Amino acid sequence: MDLIWVIDAKYVEDYKIALTFNDGLQKTVDLKNYLNGEIYEPLNDIDNFQKFHVSDWSVEWSNGADMAPEFLYAL
């Protein structure tokens, strides 16, 4: 399998993000049930959650939280 990475991400609603991957796949993922643990807890605040950006390979937040593109692809 070739390497997968996120090339675009847009906020949809609640904890949902519409993603586009480098192989052309487009999907919307709901991350509400995956915001556990010290680094992800601040993202349960919807205002913090919405402030993501696309890094060189995936979705990332200013507090250092990110999600592996393979994980997002598999959701």
Protein backbone atom coordinates (compact mmCIF):
# COMPACT_ATOMS: atom_id res chain seq x y z
CA MET A 1 0.00 0.00 0.00
CA ASP A 2 1.25 3.47 -0.82
CA LEU A 3 1.59 6.05 1.91
CA ILE A 4 -1.66 7.82 2.73
CA TRP A 5 -1.90 11.40 3.90
CA VAL A 6 -4.55 14.08 4.29
CA ILE A 7 -4.44 16.88 1.70
CA ASP A 8 -7.56 18.80 2.76
CA ALA A 9 -9.83 18.99 5.80
CA LYS A 10 -12.94 21.05 6.42
CA TYR A 11 -15.06 21.35 9.54
CA VAL A 12 -18.59 19.97 9.01
CA GLU A 13 -20.45 20.05 12.36
CA ASP A 14 -20.16 18.74 15.91
CA TYR A 15 -16.97 16.63 15.86
CA LYS A 16 -17.09 15.83 12.16
CA ILE A 17 -14.41 16.70 9.63
CA ALA A 18 -14.60 16.19 5.86
CA LEU A 19 -11.27 14.82 4.68
CA THR A 20 -9.62 14.43 1.31
CA PHE A 21 -6.71 12.00 1.03
CA ASN A 22 -3.86 11.98 -1.45
CA ASP A 23 -5.37 9.00 -3.31
CA GLY A 24 -8.57 10.99 -3.98
CA LEU A 25 -10.74 9.37 -1.30
CA GLN A 26 -13.13 11.84 0.32
CA LYS A 27 -14.94 10.99 3.53
CA THR A 28 -16.40 12.56 6.63
CA VAL A 29 -15.20 11.24 9.97
CA ASP A 30 -16.80 11.72 13.39
CA LEU A 31 -14.03 11.98 15.99
CA LYS A 32 -16.21 12.48 19.09
CA ASN A 33 -15.47 9.00 20.48
CA TYR A 34 -11.72 9.34 19.92
CA LEU A 35 -10.98 12.46 21.98
CA ASN A 36 -9.68 10.62 25.04
CA GLY A 37 -6.39 11.00 26.85
CA GLU A 38 -4.45 14.03 28.03
CA ILE A 39 -3.55 15.43 24.59
CA TYR A 40 -7.08 15.03 23.18
CA GLU A 41 -9.17 16.13 26.21
CA PRO A 42 -8.99 19.87 25.31
CA LEU A 43 -10.55 19.03 21.95
CA ASN A 44 -13.80 18.05 23.65
CA ASP A 45 -14.37 21.82 23.77
CA ILE A 46 -15.94 22.34 20.33
CA ASP A 47 -14.21 25.72 19.94
CA ASN A 48 -10.81 24.04 20.36
CA PHE A 49 -11.81 21.15 18.11
CA GLN A 50 -12.70 23.47 15.24
CA LYS A 51 -9.23 25.06 15.24
CA PHE A 52 -7.43 22.30 13.35
CA HIS A 53 -5.24 22.62 10.31
CA VAL A 54 -3.71 20.26 7.77
CA SER A 55 -0.05 19.60 8.48
CA ASP A 56 2.30 17.98 5.98
CA TRP A 57 0.48 14.67 6.43
CA SER A 58 -2.65 14.86 8.60
CA VAL A 59 -5.00 16.92 10.76
CA GLU A 60 -3.31 18.72 13.64
CA TRP A 61 -4.31 21.06 16.46
CA SER A 62 -2.29 23.84 18.09
CA ASN A 63 -1.84 21.88 21.34
CA GLY A 64 0.16 19.24 19.43
CA ALA A 65 -2.66 16.72 19.05
CA ASP A 66 -2.86 14.96 15.71
CA MET A 67 -4.30 11.78 14.23
CA ALA A 68 -2.49 9.33 12.03
CA PRO A 69 -3.76 9.52 8.46
CA GLU A 70 -4.02 5.73 8.33
CA PHE A 71 -6.34 5.82 11.35
CA LEU A 72 -8.54 8.49 9.75
CA TYR A 73 -8.57 6.61 6.45
CA ALA A 74 -9.73 3.42 8.19
CA LEU A 75 -12.63 5.07 10.06
